[in-house]
């Protein structure tokens, strides 16, 4: 019975670790962050960082939601300026990239 338990434990460990990129962190919008604050952030920061991927036709435009667009901009700002404001953003250890949208 012990070998089966060990195998199950190892398999579970592999599943959890498959979405974790060692040493890599992303800064993304908190689930309950107010949309107004996220929009304000994008309006302020996208003047200085390259937000083209979240504009119409960009690789991260879809899904077209404030939270998804803000998460990309928040993470890009985190990469450029090292800022992750805990009042509306949080650190993630799983890669938020999806479909054609690849986070830096």
N, C-alpha and C. Protein backbone atom coordinates (compact mmCIF):
# COMPACT_ATOMS: atom_id res chain seq x y z
N UNK A 1 0.81 -1.20 0.00
CA UNK A 1 0.00 0.00 0.00
C UNK A 1 0.86 1.26 0.00
N UNK A 2 1.99 1.24 0.63
CA UNK A 2 2.86 2.41 0.70
C UNK A 2 3.33 2.87 -0.67
N UNK A 3 3.71 1.96 -1.60
CA UNK A 3 4.13 2.43 -2.92
C UNK A 3 3.03 3.19 -3.67
N UNK A 4 1.77 2.77 -3.52
CA UNK A 4 0.67 3.47 -4.18
C UNK A 4 0.50 4.87 -3.60
N UNK A 5 0.60 4.98 -2.28
CA UNK A 5 0.48 6.29 -1.63
C UNK A 5 1.60 7.21 -2.06
N UNK A 6 2.80 6.65 -2.14
CA UNK A 6 3.95 7.44 -2.56
C UNK A 6 3.78 7.90 -4.01
N UNK A 7 3.28 7.01 -4.87
CA UNK A 7 3.06 7.37 -6.27
C UNK A 7 2.01 8.47 -6.40
N UNK A 8 0.94 8.36 -5.63
CA UNK A 8 -0.11 9.37 -5.66
C UNK A 8 0.42 10.72 -5.18
N UNK A 9 1.22 10.69 -4.13
CA UNK A 9 1.82 11.91 -3.60
C UNK A 9 2.74 12.56 -4.64
N UNK A 10 3.56 11.76 -5.28
CA UNK A 10 4.48 12.26 -6.30
C UNK A 10 3.70 12.84 -7.49
N UNK A 11 2.65 12.14 -7.93
CA UNK A 11 1.83 12.60 -9.04
C UNK A 11 1.18 13.94 -8.70
N UNK A 12 0.65 14.07 -7.48
CA UNK A 12 0.04 15.33 -7.05
C UNK A 12 1.06 16.46 -7.05
N UNK A 13 2.26 16.14 -6.58
CA UNK A 13 3.34 17.12 -6.56
C UNK A 13 3.65 17.60 -7.98
N UNK A 14 3.69 16.69 -8.94
CA UNK A 14 3.97 17.06 -10.33
C UNK A 14 2.90 17.97 -10.90
N UNK A 15 1.65 17.69 -10.58
CA UNK A 15 0.55 18.52 -11.08
C UNK A 15 0.68 19.95 -10.54
N UNK A 16 0.92 20.07 -9.25
CA UNK A 16 1.05 21.39 -8.64
C UNK A 16 2.23 22.13 -9.23
N UNK A 17 3.34 21.46 -9.40
CA UNK A 17 4.56 22.11 -9.88
C UNK A 17 4.53 22.41 -11.37
N UNK A 18 3.65 21.78 -12.11
CA UNK A 18 3.64 21.99 -13.56
C UNK A 18 3.21 23.40 -13.94
N UNK A 19 2.50 24.10 -13.06
CA UNK A 19 2.10 25.47 -13.36
C UNK A 19 3.00 26.49 -12.68
N UNK A 20 3.96 26.03 -11.94
CA UNK A 20 4.88 26.91 -11.23
C UNK A 20 6.19 26.99 -11.99
N UNK A 21 6.64 28.20 -12.24
CA UNK A 21 7.92 28.41 -12.90
C UNK A 21 8.90 28.85 -11.83
N UNK A 22 9.90 28.05 -11.58
CA UNK A 22 10.82 28.30 -10.47
C UNK A 22 11.43 29.69 -10.53
N UNK A 23 11.31 30.40 -9.42
CA UNK A 23 11.93 31.71 -9.30
C UNK A 23 11.22 32.82 -10.05
N UNK A 24 10.10 32.54 -10.67
CA UNK A 24 9.40 33.55 -11.46
C UNK A 24 8.14 33.98 -10.73
N UNK A 25 7.90 35.27 -10.74
CA UNK A 25 6.69 35.83 -10.14
C UNK A 25 6.06 36.81 -11.11
N UNK A 26 4.77 36.93 -11.02
CA UNK A 26 4.01 37.90 -11.80
C UNK A 26 3.20 38.73 -10.84
N UNK A 27 2.91 39.94 -11.22
CA UNK A 27 2.06 40.82 -10.42
C UNK A 27 0.78 41.03 -11.23
N UNK A 28 -0.35 40.65 -10.66
CA UNK A 28 -1.62 40.71 -11.38
C UNK A 28 -2.69 41.40 -10.54
N UNK A 29 -3.78 41.77 -11.17
CA UNK A 29 -4.88 42.43 -10.47
C UNK A 29 -5.52 41.48 -9.47
N UNK A 30 -5.83 42.01 -8.30
CA UNK A 30 -6.56 41.22 -7.31
C UNK A 30 -7.97 40.95 -7.83
N UNK A 31 -8.52 39.82 -7.44
CA UNK A 31 -9.85 39.42 -7.88
C UNK A 31 -10.91 40.47 -7.57
N UNK A 32 -10.82 41.08 -6.40
CA UNK A 32 -11.85 42.03 -5.98
C UNK A 32 -11.41 43.49 -6.07
N UNK A 33 -10.37 43.76 -6.84
CA UNK A 33 -9.92 45.14 -7.00
C UNK A 33 -10.99 45.94 -7.75
N UNK A 34 -11.27 47.15 -7.31
CA UNK A 34 -12.28 47.97 -8.00
C UNK A 34 -11.86 48.28 -9.44
N UNK A 35 -12.79 48.09 -10.37
CA UNK A 35 -12.48 48.34 -11.78
C UNK A 35 -12.04 49.78 -12.01
N UNK A 36 -12.62 50.71 -11.28
CA UNK A 36 -12.24 52.12 -11.44
C UNK A 36 -10.76 52.31 -11.14
N UNK A 37 -10.26 51.63 -10.12
CA UNK A 37 -8.84 51.74 -9.75
C UNK A 37 -7.97 51.11 -10.82
N UNK A 38 -8.41 50.00 -11.39
CA UNK A 38 -7.65 49.33 -12.44
C UNK A 38 -7.59 50.19 -13.70
N UNK A 39 -8.70 50.82 -14.03
CA UNK A 39 -8.74 51.71 -15.20
C UNK A 39 -7.82 52.91 -14.97
N UNK A 40 -7.86 53.47 -13.77
CA UNK A 40 -6.97 54.59 -13.44
C UNK A 40 -5.51 54.17 -13.58
N UNK A 41 -5.18 52.99 -13.10
CA UNK A 41 -3.81 52.49 -13.21
C UNK A 41 -3.39 52.41 -14.68
N UNK A 42 -4.24 51.80 -15.52
CA UNK A 42 -3.89 51.68 -16.94
C UNK A 42 -3.76 53.04 -17.60
N UNK A 43 -4.67 53.96 -17.29
CA UNK A 43 -4.59 55.30 -17.87
C UNK A 43 -3.29 56.00 -17.49
N UNK A 44 -2.85 55.81 -16.26
CA UNK A 44 -1.61 56.44 -15.80
C UNK A 44 -0.37 55.75 -16.37
N UNK A 45 -0.29 54.45 -16.24
CA UNK A 45 0.95 53.72 -16.56
C UNK A 45 1.13 53.45 -18.05
N UNK A 46 0.03 53.30 -18.79
CA UNK A 46 0.18 52.99 -20.21
C UNK A 46 0.70 54.17 -21.02
N UNK A 47 0.85 55.32 -20.37
CA UNK A 47 1.54 56.44 -21.01
C UNK A 47 3.04 56.18 -21.08
N UNK A 48 3.54 55.31 -20.19
CA UNK A 48 4.98 55.10 -20.06
C UNK A 48 5.45 53.67 -20.36
N UNK A 49 4.53 52.72 -20.34
CA UNK A 49 4.89 51.33 -20.67
C UNK A 49 4.13 50.91 -21.92
N UNK A 50 4.60 49.89 -22.59
CA UNK A 50 4.03 49.46 -23.87
C UNK A 50 2.80 48.58 -23.66
N UNK A 51 1.63 49.19 -23.71
CA UNK A 51 0.37 48.48 -23.51
C UNK A 51 -0.28 48.03 -24.82
N UNK A 52 0.46 48.06 -25.92
CA UNK A 52 -0.13 47.67 -27.21
C UNK A 52 -0.72 46.27 -27.21
N UNK A 53 -0.15 45.29 -26.49
CA UNK A 53 -0.75 43.95 -26.50
C UNK A 53 -2.19 43.90 -25.97
N UNK A 54 -2.60 44.88 -25.16
CA UNK A 54 -3.97 44.85 -24.62
C UNK A 54 -4.91 45.78 -25.37
N UNK A 55 -4.45 46.33 -26.48
CA UNK A 55 -5.32 47.15 -27.32
C UNK A 55 -5.93 46.27 -28.41
N UNK A 56 -6.97 46.78 -29.07
CA UNK A 56 -7.67 46.00 -30.08
C UNK A 56 -6.69 45.42 -31.09
N UNK A 57 -6.79 44.12 -31.33
CA UNK A 57 -5.91 43.43 -32.26
C UNK A 57 -4.63 42.92 -31.62
N UNK A 58 -4.35 43.33 -30.39
CA UNK A 58 -3.14 42.89 -29.70
C UNK A 58 -3.26 41.46 -29.20
N UNK A 59 -2.14 40.85 -28.90
CA UNK A 59 -2.12 39.44 -28.50
C UNK A 59 -2.82 39.19 -27.16
N UNK A 60 -3.01 40.23 -26.36
CA UNK A 60 -3.67 40.07 -25.05
C UNK A 60 -4.98 40.84 -24.95
N UNK A 61 -5.54 41.23 -26.10
CA UNK A 61 -6.81 41.97 -26.08
C UNK A 61 -7.97 41.09 -25.60
N UNK A 62 -8.01 39.85 -26.06
CA UNK A 62 -9.06 38.92 -25.65
C UNK A 62 -8.59 38.10 -24.47
N UNK A 63 -9.41 37.86 -23.48
CA UNK A 63 -10.76 38.39 -23.36
C UNK A 63 -10.74 39.88 -23.02
N UNK A 64 -11.67 40.58 -23.60
CA UNK A 64 -11.73 42.04 -23.46
C UNK A 64 -12.41 42.41 -22.14
N UNK A 65 -11.64 42.29 -21.05
CA UNK A 65 -12.15 42.67 -19.73
C UNK A 65 -11.15 43.62 -19.07
N UNK A 66 -11.67 44.47 -18.22
CA UNK A 66 -10.80 45.41 -17.49
C UNK A 66 -9.78 44.63 -16.68
N UNK A 67 -10.21 43.59 -15.97
CA UNK A 67 -9.32 42.84 -15.09
C UNK A 67 -8.19 42.17 -15.87
N UNK A 68 -8.48 41.56 -17.00
CA UNK A 68 -7.43 40.91 -17.80
C UNK A 68 -6.46 41.94 -18.37
N UNK A 69 -6.99 43.03 -18.90
CA UNK A 69 -6.12 44.06 -19.45
C UNK A 69 -5.26 44.67 -18.34
N UNK A 70 -5.87 44.95 -17.20
CA UNK A 70 -5.13 45.54 -16.08
C UNK A 70 -4.05 44.59 -15.58
N UNK A 71 -4.35 43.30 -15.51
CA UNK A 71 -3.35 42.33 -15.04
C UNK A 71 -2.11 42.36 -15.92
N UNK A 72 -2.31 42.44 -17.23
CA UNK A 72 -1.17 42.51 -18.13
C UNK A 72 -0.37 43.79 -17.88
N UNK A 73 -1.07 44.93 -17.78
CA UNK A 73 -0.39 46.21 -17.56
C UNK A 73 0.30 46.25 -16.20
N UNK A 74 -0.35 45.70 -15.18
CA UNK A 74 0.24 45.67 -13.84
C UNK A 74 1.52 44.85 -13.86
N UNK A 75 1.48 43.70 -14.53
CA UNK A 75 2.67 42.86 -14.57
C UNK A 75 3.78 43.52 -15.38
N UNK A 76 3.43 44.15 -16.48
CA UNK A 76 4.44 44.84 -17.28
C UNK A 76 5.10 45.95 -16.46
N UNK A 77 4.29 46.70 -15.72
CA UNK A 77 4.84 47.73 -14.85
C UNK A 77 5.74 47.11 -13.77
N UNK A 78 5.35 45.96 -13.26
CA UNK A 78 6.16 45.23 -12.27
C UNK A 78 7.52 44.87 -12.87
N UNK A 79 7.53 44.44 -14.12
CA UNK A 79 8.79 44.08 -14.79
C UNK A 79 9.67 45.32 -15.00
N UNK A 80 9.05 46.42 -15.41
CA UNK A 80 9.81 47.63 -15.74
C UNK A 80 10.23 48.41 -14.49
N UNK A 81 9.31 48.57 -13.55
CA UNK A 81 9.55 49.44 -12.40
C UNK A 81 9.67 48.73 -11.06
N UNK A 82 9.41 47.42 -11.04
CA UNK A 82 9.51 46.67 -9.79
C UNK A 82 8.41 46.97 -8.78
N UNK A 83 7.30 47.53 -9.25
CA UNK A 83 6.20 47.91 -8.36
C UNK A 83 5.04 46.93 -8.46
N UNK A 84 4.55 46.48 -7.30
CA UNK A 84 3.34 45.66 -7.24
C UNK A 84 2.52 46.19 -6.07
N UNK A 85 1.60 47.10 -6.35
CA UNK A 85 0.83 47.80 -5.32
C UNK A 85 -0.16 46.85 -4.65
N UNK A 86 0.04 46.54 -3.37
CA UNK A 86 -0.83 45.58 -2.68
C UNK A 86 -2.26 46.06 -2.46
N UNK A 87 -2.55 47.31 -2.76
CA UNK A 87 -3.92 47.79 -2.59
C UNK A 87 -4.85 47.30 -3.70
N UNK A 88 -4.29 46.86 -4.84
CA UNK A 88 -5.13 46.36 -5.93
C UNK A 88 -4.47 45.23 -6.72
N UNK A 89 -3.23 44.88 -6.37
CA UNK A 89 -2.49 43.84 -7.11
C UNK A 89 -1.92 42.82 -6.14
N UNK A 90 -1.55 41.67 -6.68
CA UNK A 90 -0.99 40.61 -5.85
C UNK A 90 0.06 39.84 -6.65
N UNK A 91 0.98 39.23 -5.94
CA UNK A 91 2.00 38.40 -6.59
C UNK A 91 1.42 37.03 -6.89
N UNK A 92 1.68 36.54 -8.08
CA UNK A 92 1.27 35.19 -8.48
C UNK A 92 2.52 34.39 -8.82
N UNK A 93 2.51 33.11 -8.47
CA UNK A 93 3.65 32.24 -8.79
C UNK A 93 3.32 31.28 -9.93
N UNK A 94 2.08 31.34 -10.42
CA UNK A 94 1.71 30.56 -11.60
C UNK A 94 1.61 31.52 -12.78
N UNK A 95 2.07 31.08 -13.91
CA UNK A 95 2.11 31.90 -15.12
C UNK A 95 0.69 32.26 -15.57
N UNK A 96 0.34 33.55 -15.61
CA UNK A 96 -1.00 33.96 -16.03
C UNK A 96 -1.19 33.99 -17.55
N UNK A 97 -0.17 33.64 -18.31
CA UNK A 97 -0.28 33.63 -19.78
C UNK A 97 -1.40 32.69 -20.21
N UNK A 98 -2.05 33.01 -21.32
CA UNK A 98 -3.11 32.16 -21.86
C UNK A 98 -3.19 32.38 -23.36
N UNK A 99 -3.58 31.33 -24.07
CA UNK A 99 -3.66 31.35 -25.53
C UNK A 99 -2.48 32.11 -26.13
N UNK A 100 -2.73 33.15 -26.91
CA UNK A 100 -1.63 33.88 -27.56
C UNK A 100 -1.06 34.98 -26.67
N UNK A 101 -1.64 35.17 -25.50
CA UNK A 101 -1.18 36.23 -24.59
C UNK A 101 -0.09 35.67 -23.68
N UNK A 102 1.13 36.09 -23.94
CA UNK A 102 2.27 35.63 -23.14
C UNK A 102 2.75 36.77 -22.27
N UNK A 103 2.67 36.56 -20.97
CA UNK A 103 3.17 37.56 -20.02
C UNK A 103 4.69 37.53 -20.04
N UNK A 104 5.32 38.70 -19.86
CA UNK A 104 6.79 38.75 -19.88
C UNK A 104 7.41 37.93 -18.76
